[in-house]
All heavy atoms as atom14 arrays in JSON, in Angstrom:
{
  "sequence": "IPIRLIDTTKARKLLDFVPKTDLQEGLRKTIEWYRENQIKNPLSKN",
  "atom14_mask": [
    [1, 1, 1, 1, 1, 1, 1, 1, 0, 0, 0, 0, 0, 0],
    [1, 1, 1, 1, 1, 1, 1, 0, 0, 0, 0, 0, 0, 0],
    [1, 1, 1, 1, 1, 1, 1, 1, 0, 0, 0, 0, 0, 0],
    [1, 1, 1, 1, 1, 1, 1, 1, 1, 1, 1, 0, 0, 0],
    [1, 1, 1, 1, 1, 1, 1, 1, 0, 0, 0, 0, 0, 0],
    [1, 1, 1, 1, 1, 1, 1, 1, 0, 0, 0, 0, 0, 0],
    [1, 1, 1, 1, 1, 1, 1, 1, 0, 0, 0, 0, 0, 0],
    [1, 1, 1, 1, 1, 1, 1, 0, 0, 0, 0, 0, 0, 0],
    [1, 1, 1, 1, 1, 1, 1, 0, 0, 0, 0, 0, 0, 0],
    [1, 1, 1, 1, 1, 1, 1, 1, 1, 0, 0, 0, 0, 0],
    [1, 1, 1, 1, 1, 0, 0, 0, 0, 0, 0, 0, 0, 0],
    [1, 1, 1, 1, 1, 1, 1, 1, 1, 1, 1, 0, 0, 0],
    [1, 1, 1, 1, 1, 1, 1, 1, 1, 0, 0, 0, 0, 0],
    [1, 1, 1, 1, 1, 1, 1, 1, 0, 0, 0, 0, 0, 0],
    [1, 1, 1, 1, 1, 1, 1, 1, 0, 0, 0, 0, 0, 0],
    [1, 1, 1, 1, 1, 1, 1, 1, 0, 0, 0, 0, 0, 0],
    [1, 1, 1, 1, 1, 1, 1, 1, 1, 1, 1, 0, 0, 0],
    [1, 1, 1, 1, 1, 1, 1, 0, 0, 0, 0, 0, 0, 0],
    [1, 1, 1, 1, 1, 1, 1, 0, 0, 0, 0, 0, 0, 0],
    [1, 1, 1, 1, 1, 1, 1, 1, 1, 0, 0, 0, 0, 0],
    [1, 1, 1, 1, 1, 1, 1, 0, 0, 0, 0, 0, 0, 0],
    [1, 1, 1, 1, 1, 1, 1, 1, 0, 0, 0, 0, 0, 0],
    [1, 1, 1, 1, 1, 1, 1, 1, 0, 0, 0, 0, 0, 0],
    [1, 1, 1, 1, 1, 1, 1, 1, 1, 0, 0, 0, 0, 0],
    [1, 1, 1, 1, 1, 1, 1, 1, 1, 0, 0, 0, 0, 0],
    [1, 1, 1, 1, 0, 0, 0, 0, 0, 0, 0, 0, 0, 0],
    [1, 1, 1, 1, 1, 1, 1, 1, 0, 0, 0, 0, 0, 0],
    [1, 1, 1, 1, 1, 1, 1, 1, 1, 1, 1, 0, 0, 0],
    [1, 1, 1, 1, 1, 1, 1, 1, 1, 0, 0, 0, 0, 0],
    [1, 1, 1, 1, 1, 1, 1, 0, 0, 0, 0, 0, 0, 0],
    [1, 1, 1, 1, 1, 1, 1, 1, 0, 0, 0, 0, 0, 0],
    [1, 1, 1, 1, 1, 1, 1, 1, 1, 0, 0, 0, 0, 0],
    [1, 1, 1, 1, 1, 1, 1, 1, 1, 1, 1, 1, 1, 1],
    [1, 1, 1, 1, 1, 1, 1, 1, 1, 1, 1, 1, 0, 0],
    [1, 1, 1, 1, 1, 1, 1, 1, 1, 1, 1, 0, 0, 0],
    [1, 1, 1, 1, 1, 1, 1, 1, 1, 0, 0, 0, 0, 0],
    [1, 1, 1, 1, 1, 1, 1, 1, 0, 0, 0, 0, 0, 0],
    [1, 1, 1, 1, 1, 1, 1, 1, 1, 0, 0, 0, 0, 0],
    [1, 1, 1, 1, 1, 1, 1, 1, 0, 0, 0, 0, 0, 0],
    [1, 1, 1, 1, 1, 1, 1, 1, 1, 0, 0, 0, 0, 0],
    [1, 1, 1, 1, 1, 1, 1, 1, 0, 0, 0, 0, 0, 0],
    [1, 1, 1, 1, 1, 1, 1, 0, 0, 0, 0, 0, 0, 0],
    [1, 1, 1, 1, 1, 1, 1, 1, 0, 0, 0, 0, 0, 0],
    [1, 1, 1, 1, 1, 1, 0, 0, 0, 0, 0, 0, 0, 0],
    [1, 1, 1, 1, 1, 1, 1, 1, 1, 0, 0, 0, 0, 0],
    [1, 1, 1, 1, 1, 1, 1, 1, 0, 0, 0, 0, 0, 0]
  ],
  "atom14_positions": [
    [[177.04, 63.57, 122.49], [178.33, 63.48, 121.82], [179.29, 64.56, 122.35], [178.91, 65.72, 122.48], [178.14, 63.59, 120.29], [179.46, 63.37, 119.56], [177.48, 64.89, 119.89], [179.29, 63.2, 118.06], [0.0, 0.0, 0.0], [0.0, 0.0, 0.0], [0.0, 0.0, 0.0], [0.0, 0.0, 0.0], [0.0, 0.0, 0.0], [0.0, 0.0, 0.0]],
    [[180.53, 64.2, 122.67], [181.46, 65.18, 123.26], [181.78, 66.36, 122.35], [181.88, 67.49, 122.81], [182.71, 64.34, 123.56], [182.23, 62.94, 123.63], [181.09, 62.84, 122.67], [0.0, 0.0, 0.0], [0.0, 0.0, 0.0], [0.0, 0.0, 0.0], [0.0, 0.0, 0.0], [0.0, 0.0, 0.0], [0.0, 0.0, 0.0], [0.0, 0.0, 0.0]],
    [[181.95, 66.09, 121.07], [182.29, 67.16, 120.12], [181.4, 67.02, 118.9], [181.31, 65.93, 118.31], [183.77, 67.1, 119.68], [184.7, 67.17, 120.87], [184.07, 68.24, 118.7], [186.17, 67.0, 120.52], [0.0, 0.0, 0.0], [0.0, 0.0, 0.0], [0.0, 0.0, 0.0], [0.0, 0.0, 0.0], [0.0, 0.0, 0.0], [0.0, 0.0, 0.0]],
    [[180.76, 68.1, 118.5], [180.0, 68.11, 117.25], [180.27, 69.42, 116.51], [179.84, 70.49, 116.94], [178.5, 67.96, 117.5], [177.63, 68.21, 116.27], [177.98, 67.27, 115.1], [177.41, 65.94, 115.27], [178.03, 64.83, 114.88], [179.23, 64.89, 114.33], [177.46, 63.66, 115.06], [0.0, 0.0, 0.0], [0.0, 0.0, 0.0], [0.0, 0.0, 0.0]],
    [[181.01, 69.3, 115.44], [181.3, 70.43, 114.57], [180.84, 70.08, 113.16], [180.96, 68.93, 112.74], [182.8, 70.76, 114.57], [183.42, 71.12, 115.92], [184.93, 71.26, 115.79], [182.81, 72.41, 116.45], [0.0, 0.0, 0.0], [0.0, 0.0, 0.0], [0.0, 0.0, 0.0], [0.0, 0.0, 0.0], [0.0, 0.0, 0.0], [0.0, 0.0, 0.0]],
    [[180.32, 71.06, 112.43], [179.85, 70.81, 111.07], [180.56, 71.74, 110.09], [180.88, 72.88, 110.41], [178.32, 70.97, 110.95], [177.87, 72.38, 111.31], [177.6, 69.94, 111.81], [176.38, 72.61, 111.08], [0.0, 0.0, 0.0], [0.0, 0.0, 0.0], [0.0, 0.0, 0.0], [0.0, 0.0, 0.0], [0.0, 0.0, 0.0], [0.0, 0.0, 0.0]],
    [[180.79, 71.23, 108.9], [181.42, 72.01, 107.83], [180.34, 72.84, 107.13], [179.35, 72.3, 106.64], [182.09, 71.05, 106.83], [182.94, 71.77, 105.8], [182.4, 72.66, 105.1], [184.13, 71.45, 105.69], [0.0, 0.0, 0.0], [0.0, 0.0, 0.0], [0.0, 0.0, 0.0], [0.0, 0.0, 0.0], [0.0, 0.0, 0.0], [0.0, 0.0, 0.0]],
    [[180.53, 74.15, 107.07], [179.5, 75.05, 106.51], [179.89, 75.6, 105.13], [179.28, 76.56, 104.66], [179.24, 76.22, 107.48], [180.47, 76.92, 107.72], [178.69, 75.71, 108.8], [0.0, 0.0, 0.0], [0.0, 0.0, 0.0], [0.0, 0.0, 0.0], [0.0, 0.0, 0.0], [0.0, 0.0, 0.0], [0.0, 0.0, 0.0], [0.0, 0.0, 0.0]],
    [[180.86, 74.98, 104.49], [181.33, 75.45, 103.17], [180.2, 75.45, 102.14], [180.05, 76.39, 101.35], [182.5, 74.59, 102.67], [183.54, 74.59, 103.65], [183.03, 75.11, 101.35], [0.0, 0.0, 0.0], [0.0, 0.0, 0.0], [0.0, 0.0, 0.0], [0.0, 0.0, 0.0], [0.0, 0.0, 0.0], [0.0, 0.0, 0.0], [0.0, 0.0, 0.0]],
    [[179.41, 74.39, 102.13], [178.35, 74.25, 101.13], [177.3, 75.34, 101.26], [176.79, 75.86, 100.24], [177.71, 72.87, 101.27], [176.76, 72.49, 100.16], [176.31, 71.04, 100.33], [175.35, 70.6, 99.25], [174.92, 69.18, 99.43], [0.0, 0.0, 0.0], [0.0, 0.0, 0.0], [0.0, 0.0, 0.0], [0.0, 0.0, 0.0], [0.0, 0.0, 0.0]],
    [[176.98, 75.75, 102.49], [176.0, 76.82, 102.69], [176.51, 78.13, 102.11], [175.74, 78.91, 101.52], [175.69, 76.98, 104.17], [0.0, 0.0, 0.0], [0.0, 0.0, 0.0], [0.0, 0.0, 0.0], [0.0, 0.0, 0.0], [0.0, 0.0, 0.0], [0.0, 0.0, 0.0], [0.0, 0.0, 0.0], [0.0, 0.0, 0.0], [0.0, 0.0, 0.0]],
    [[177.78, 78.4, 102.29], [178.35, 79.63, 101.72], [178.33, 79.58, 100.2], [178.04, 80.58, 99.54], [179.78, 79.83, 102.23], [179.88, 80.15, 103.71], [181.26, 80.69, 104.08], [182.32, 79.72, 103.8], [182.73, 78.8, 104.65], [182.16, 78.7, 105.84], [183.71, 77.97, 104.33], [0.0, 0.0, 0.0], [0.0, 0.0, 0.0], [0.0, 0.0, 0.0]],
    [[178.59, 78.41, 99.65], [178.68, 78.27, 98.19], [177.31, 78.31, 97.53], [177.1, 79.05, 96.55], [179.39, 76.96, 97.85], [179.56, 76.72, 96.36], [180.31, 75.43, 96.1], [180.45, 75.17, 94.61], [181.16, 73.88, 94.34], [0.0, 0.0, 0.0], [0.0, 0.0, 0.0], [0.0, 0.0, 0.0], [0.0, 0.0, 0.0], [0.0, 0.0, 0.0]],
    [[176.36, 77.52, 98.03], [175.06, 77.4, 97.36], [174.08, 78.5, 97.75], [173.25, 78.92, 96.93], [174.43, 76.04, 97.67], [175.14, 74.81, 97.12], [174.29, 73.57, 97.37], [175.42, 74.96, 95.62], [0.0, 0.0, 0.0], [0.0, 0.0, 0.0], [0.0, 0.0, 0.0], [0.0, 0.0, 0.0], [0.0, 0.0, 0.0], [0.0, 0.0, 0.0]],
    [[174.14, 78.95, 99.0], [173.16, 79.92, 99.49], [173.75, 81.31, 99.67], [173.0, 82.26, 99.93], [172.59, 79.45, 100.83], [171.91, 78.08, 100.87], [171.42, 77.78, 102.28], [170.77, 78.01, 99.87], [0.0, 0.0, 0.0], [0.0, 0.0, 0.0], [0.0, 0.0, 0.0], [0.0, 0.0, 0.0], [0.0, 0.0, 0.0], [0.0, 0.0, 0.0]],
    [[175.07, 81.42, 99.56], [175.75, 82.67, 99.9], [175.39, 83.08, 101.33], [175.16, 84.25, 101.62], [175.38, 83.78, 98.91], [176.33, 84.99, 99.0], [177.48, 84.81, 99.44], [175.89, 86.1, 98.66], [0.0, 0.0, 0.0], [0.0, 0.0, 0.0], [0.0, 0.0, 0.0], [0.0, 0.0, 0.0], [0.0, 0.0, 0.0], [0.0, 0.0, 0.0]],
    [[175.33, 82.06, 102.2], [174.9, 82.29, 103.57], [176.08, 82.39, 104.51], [176.93, 81.49, 104.57], [173.98, 81.17, 104.05], [173.68, 81.23, 105.53], [172.82, 82.2, 106.04], [174.28, 80.34, 106.42], [172.56, 82.27, 107.4], [174.02, 80.4, 107.78], [173.16, 81.37, 108.27], [0.0, 0.0, 0.0], [0.0, 0.0, 0.0], [0.0, 0.0, 0.0]],
    [[176.12, 83.49, 105.25], [177.09, 83.69, 106.32], [176.33, 84.24, 107.51], [175.65, 85.25, 107.4], [178.21, 84.68, 105.91], [179.16, 84.9, 107.08], [178.97, 84.17, 104.69], [0.0, 0.0, 0.0], [0.0, 0.0, 0.0], [0.0, 0.0, 0.0], [0.0, 0.0, 0.0], [0.0, 0.0, 0.0], [0.0, 0.0, 0.0], [0.0, 0.0, 0.0]],
    [[176.38, 83.58, 108.68], [175.64, 84.07, 109.85], [176.13, 85.44, 110.29], [177.31, 85.75, 110.19], [175.91, 83.01, 110.92], [177.12, 82.28, 110.46], [177.12, 82.34, 108.97], [0.0, 0.0, 0.0], [0.0, 0.0, 0.0], [0.0, 0.0, 0.0], [0.0, 0.0, 0.0], [0.0, 0.0, 0.0], [0.0, 0.0, 0.0], [0.0, 0.0, 0.0]],
    [[175.18, 86.25, 110.77], [175.49, 87.63, 111.14], [175.71, 87.82, 112.64], [176.29, 88.83, 113.05], [174.33, 88.54, 110.7], [173.99, 88.47, 109.22], [172.7, 89.22, 108.93], [172.28, 89.07, 107.48], [170.96, 89.72, 107.21], [0.0, 0.0, 0.0], [0.0, 0.0, 0.0], [0.0, 0.0, 0.0], [0.0, 0.0, 0.0], [0.0, 0.0, 0.0]],
    [[175.23, 86.9, 113.44], [175.17, 87.12, 114.89], [176.22, 86.28, 115.61], [176.15, 85.04, 115.59], [173.77, 86.74, 115.42], [172.77, 87.34, 114.6], [173.6, 87.19, 116.86], [0.0, 0.0, 0.0], [0.0, 0.0, 0.0], [0.0, 0.0, 0.0], [0.0, 0.0, 0.0], [0.0, 0.0, 0.0], [0.0, 0.0, 0.0], [0.0, 0.0, 0.0]],
    [[177.19, 86.95, 116.24], [178.19, 86.19, 116.99], [177.59, 85.7, 118.3], [176.49, 86.11, 118.7], [179.47, 86.99, 117.21], [179.29, 88.22, 118.08], [178.39, 88.26, 118.93], [180.08, 89.18, 117.91], [0.0, 0.0, 0.0], [0.0, 0.0, 0.0], [0.0, 0.0, 0.0], [0.0, 0.0, 0.0], [0.0, 0.0, 0.0], [0.0, 0.0, 0.0]],
    [[178.31, 84.83, 118.98], [177.75, 84.17, 120.14], [177.42, 85.15, 121.26], [176.37, 85.05, 121.9], [178.71, 83.09, 120.66], [178.2, 82.24, 121.82], [176.92, 81.51, 121.45], [179.28, 81.24, 122.26], [0.0, 0.0, 0.0], [0.0, 0.0, 0.0], [0.0, 0.0, 0.0], [0.0, 0.0, 0.0], [0.0, 0.0, 0.0], [0.0, 0.0, 0.0]],
    [[178.29, 86.09, 121.52], [178.04, 87.03, 122.61], [176.78, 87.86, 122.36], [175.95, 88.03, 123.24], [179.23, 87.95, 122.82], [179.08, 88.87, 124.03], [180.37, 89.59, 124.37], [181.25, 89.72, 123.55], [180.49, 90.05, 125.61], [0.0, 0.0, 0.0], [0.0, 0.0, 0.0], [0.0, 0.0, 0.0], [0.0, 0.0, 0.0], [0.0, 0.0, 0.0]],
    [[176.63, 88.35, 121.12], [175.44, 89.14, 120.79], [174.18, 88.28, 120.86], [173.14, 88.71, 121.38], [175.57, 89.74, 119.4], [174.38, 90.59, 118.98], [174.46, 91.08, 117.54], [175.44, 90.73, 116.85], [173.53, 91.79, 117.11], [0.0, 0.0, 0.0], [0.0, 0.0, 0.0], [0.0, 0.0, 0.0], [0.0, 0.0, 0.0], [0.0, 0.0, 0.0]],
    [[174.25, 87.06, 120.34], [173.09, 86.19, 120.35], [172.67, 85.82, 121.76], [171.47, 85.81, 122.08], [0.0, 0.0, 0.0], [0.0, 0.0, 0.0], [0.0, 0.0, 0.0], [0.0, 0.0, 0.0], [0.0, 0.0, 0.0], [0.0, 0.0, 0.0], [0.0, 0.0, 0.0], [0.0, 0.0, 0.0], [0.0, 0.0, 0.0], [0.0, 0.0, 0.0]],
    [[173.63, 85.52, 122.61], [173.3, 85.19, 124.0], [172.72, 86.39, 124.73], [171.78, 86.26, 125.52], [174.53, 84.67, 124.72], [175.05, 83.29, 124.28], [176.34, 82.95, 125.0], [174.0, 82.2, 124.51], [0.0, 0.0, 0.0], [0.0, 0.0, 0.0], [0.0, 0.0, 0.0], [0.0, 0.0, 0.0], [0.0, 0.0, 0.0], [0.0, 0.0, 0.0]],
    [[173.26, 87.56, 124.46], [172.74, 88.77, 125.1], [171.29, 89.01, 124.7], [170.43, 89.28, 125.55], [173.6, 89.98, 124.73], [173.1, 91.3, 125.34], [173.91, 92.48, 124.86], [173.93, 92.58, 123.41], [172.93, 93.08, 122.67], [171.82, 93.5, 123.27], [173.03, 93.15, 121.36], [0.0, 0.0, 0.0], [0.0, 0.0, 0.0], [0.0, 0.0, 0.0]],
    [[170.99, 88.9, 123.41], [169.62, 89.09, 122.94], [168.67, 88.06, 123.55], [167.54, 88.38, 123.92], [169.57, 88.98, 121.41], [170.19, 90.16, 120.67], [170.06, 89.93, 119.16], [170.59, 91.12, 118.37], [170.49, 90.89, 116.9], [0.0, 0.0, 0.0], [0.0, 0.0, 0.0], [0.0, 0.0, 0.0], [0.0, 0.0, 0.0], [0.0, 0.0, 0.0]],
    [[169.14, 86.83, 123.65], [168.29, 85.75, 124.15], [168.0, 85.92, 125.63], [166.85, 85.75, 126.08], [168.92, 84.38, 123.88], [169.25, 84.28, 122.5], [167.96, 83.27, 124.25], [0.0, 0.0, 0.0], [0.0, 0.0, 0.0], [0.0, 0.0, 0.0], [0.0, 0.0, 0.0], [0.0, 0.0, 0.0], [0.0, 0.0, 0.0], [0.0, 0.0, 0.0]],
    [[169.02, 86.25, 126.4], [168.8, 86.39, 127.85], [167.93, 87.6, 128.15], [167.11, 87.59, 129.07], [170.15, 86.45, 128.61], [169.95, 86.01, 130.07], [170.81, 87.8, 128.52], [171.25, 85.72, 130.79], [0.0, 0.0, 0.0], [0.0, 0.0, 0.0], [0.0, 0.0, 0.0], [0.0, 0.0, 0.0], [0.0, 0.0, 0.0], [0.0, 0.0, 0.0]],
    [[168.04, 88.66, 127.34], [167.16, 89.82, 127.5], [165.72, 89.44, 127.17], [164.78, 89.83, 127.87], [167.62, 90.97, 126.6], [168.91, 91.63, 127.07], [169.4, 92.71, 126.11], [168.79, 92.84, 125.02], [170.38, 93.39, 126.43], [0.0, 0.0, 0.0], [0.0, 0.0, 0.0], [0.0, 0.0, 0.0], [0.0, 0.0, 0.0], [0.0, 0.0, 0.0]],
    [[165.54, 88.66, 126.11], [164.19, 88.22, 125.75], [163.62, 87.34, 126.85], [162.44, 87.47, 127.21], [164.22, 87.45, 124.43], [162.86, 86.99, 123.99], [161.97, 87.66, 123.21], [162.2, 85.77, 124.38], [160.82, 86.92, 123.06], [160.93, 85.76, 123.77], [162.58, 84.68, 125.17], [160.03, 84.72, 123.93], [161.67, 83.63, 125.34], [160.42, 83.65, 124.72]],
    [[164.42, 86.43, 127.37], [163.95, 85.54, 128.43], [163.45, 86.34, 129.62], [162.38, 86.08, 130.17], [165.07, 84.59, 128.86], [164.71, 83.77, 130.08], [163.94, 82.62, 129.95], [165.1, 84.16, 131.35], [163.58, 81.88, 131.08], [164.76, 83.42, 132.47], [164.0, 82.28, 132.33], [163.64, 81.56, 133.42], [0.0, 0.0, 0.0], [0.0, 0.0, 0.0]],
    [[164.23, 87.32, 130.03], [163.86, 88.1, 131.21], [162.58, 88.9, 130.97], [161.76, 89.07, 131.88], [165.0, 89.06, 131.57], [164.73, 89.86, 132.85], [165.93, 90.66, 133.29], [166.98, 89.77, 133.8], [168.09, 89.5, 133.14], [168.32, 90.02, 131.96], [168.99, 88.69, 133.67], [0.0, 0.0, 0.0], [0.0, 0.0, 0.0], [0.0, 0.0, 0.0]],
    [[162.38, 89.38, 129.76], [161.21, 90.22, 129.46], [159.95, 89.4, 129.21], [158.84, 89.91, 129.4], [161.5, 91.08, 128.22], [162.57, 92.14, 128.45], [162.96, 92.83, 127.16], [162.37, 92.49, 126.09], [163.85, 93.7, 127.19], [0.0, 0.0, 0.0], [0.0, 0.0, 0.0], [0.0, 0.0, 0.0], [0.0, 0.0, 0.0], [0.0, 0.0, 0.0]],
    [[160.1, 88.15, 128.81], [158.93, 87.41, 128.33], [158.56, 86.16, 129.12], [157.42, 85.71, 129.05], [159.15, 86.99, 126.87], [159.17, 88.16, 125.93], [158.13, 88.61, 125.46], [160.35, 88.68, 125.64], [0.0, 0.0, 0.0], [0.0, 0.0, 0.0], [0.0, 0.0, 0.0], [0.0, 0.0, 0.0], [0.0, 0.0, 0.0], [0.0, 0.0, 0.0]],
    [[159.49, 85.59, 129.84], [159.2, 84.36, 130.57], [158.69, 84.68, 131.97], [159.2, 85.56, 132.64], [160.44, 83.48, 130.66], [160.92, 82.96, 129.33], [159.94, 81.98, 128.7], [159.56, 80.99, 129.3], [159.53, 82.27, 127.48], [0.0, 0.0, 0.0], [0.0, 0.0, 0.0], [0.0, 0.0, 0.0], [0.0, 0.0, 0.0], [0.0, 0.0, 0.0]],
    [[157.69, 83.92, 132.41], [157.21, 84.05, 133.78], [158.3, 83.52, 134.7], [158.84, 82.44, 134.5], [155.91, 83.25, 133.98], [154.82, 83.81, 133.07], [155.48, 83.29, 135.44], [153.54, 83.0, 133.1], [0.0, 0.0, 0.0], [0.0, 0.0, 0.0], [0.0, 0.0, 0.0], [0.0, 0.0, 0.0], [0.0, 0.0, 0.0], [0.0, 0.0, 0.0]],
    [[158.64, 84.26, 135.7], [159.71, 83.86, 136.59], [159.33, 82.58, 137.35], [158.28, 82.52, 137.99], [160.03, 84.97, 137.59], [160.77, 86.15, 136.95], [162.12, 85.7, 136.41], [162.89, 86.86, 135.82], [164.19, 86.43, 135.29], [0.0, 0.0, 0.0], [0.0, 0.0, 0.0], [0.0, 0.0, 0.0], [0.0, 0.0, 0.0], [0.0, 0.0, 0.0]],
    [[160.18, 81.62, 137.24], [160.0, 80.35, 137.96], [161.37, 79.79, 138.26], [161.83, 78.85, 137.61], [159.19, 79.36, 137.1], [158.93, 78.06, 137.82], [158.92, 78.02, 139.05], [158.72, 77.0, 137.07], [0.0, 0.0, 0.0], [0.0, 0.0, 0.0], [0.0, 0.0, 0.0], [0.0, 0.0, 0.0], [0.0, 0.0, 0.0], [0.0, 0.0, 0.0]],
    [[162.1, 80.36, 139.22], [163.49, 79.97, 139.46], [163.65, 78.47, 139.69], [162.81, 77.83, 140.31], [163.85, 80.76, 140.72], [162.9, 81.91, 140.73], [161.62, 81.38, 140.15], [0.0, 0.0, 0.0], [0.0, 0.0, 0.0], [0.0, 0.0, 0.0], [0.0, 0.0, 0.0], [0.0, 0.0, 0.0], [0.0, 0.0, 0.0], [0.0, 0.0, 0.0]],
    [[164.74, 77.95, 139.17], [165.03, 76.54, 139.32], [165.51, 76.24, 140.73], [166.14, 77.06, 141.37], [166.12, 76.12, 138.33], [165.79, 76.34, 136.85], [166.99, 75.98, 136.01], [164.6, 75.52, 136.43], [0.0, 0.0, 0.0], [0.0, 0.0, 0.0], [0.0, 0.0, 0.0], [0.0, 0.0, 0.0], [0.0, 0.0, 0.0], [0.0, 0.0, 0.0]],
    [[165.24, 75.06, 141.17], [165.74, 74.65, 142.47], [167.18, 74.17, 142.33], [167.68, 73.95, 141.24], [164.89, 73.52, 143.03], [165.2, 72.31, 142.37], [0.0, 0.0, 0.0], [0.0, 0.0, 0.0], [0.0, 0.0, 0.0], [0.0, 0.0, 0.0], [0.0, 0.0, 0.0], [0.0, 0.0, 0.0], [0.0, 0.0, 0.0], [0.0, 0.0, 0.0]],
    [[167.83, 73.99, 143.43], [169.24, 73.6, 143.38], [169.42, 72.18, 142.87], [170.54, 71.76, 142.54], [169.87, 73.7, 144.77], [169.3, 72.73, 145.8], [169.98, 72.9, 147.14], [169.44, 71.93, 148.18], [170.13, 72.09, 149.48], [0.0, 0.0, 0.0], [0.0, 0.0, 0.0], [0.0, 0.0, 0.0], [0.0, 0.0, 0.0], [0.0, 0.0, 0.0]],
    [[168.34, 71.42, 142.78], [168.45, 70.05, 142.34], [168.2, 69.88, 140.85], [168.16, 68.76, 140.34], [167.46, 69.15, 143.1], [167.81, 69.03, 144.56], [168.98, 68.92, 144.89], [166.82, 69.08, 145.42], [0.0, 0.0, 0.0], [0.0, 0.0, 0.0], [0.0, 0.0, 0.0], [0.0, 0.0, 0.0], [0.0, 0.0, 0.0], [0.0, 0.0, 0.0]]
  ]
}
């Protein structure tokens, strides 16, 4: 699907849930974890 956005109003109301991790921080943490934990197997150009 070209665009998928979801309304998160109900989560804030019922769960008092607000995410803490912005995209830049989350991507940084994930790429650091990948480098430290995944066996290197570089992808081919195809």
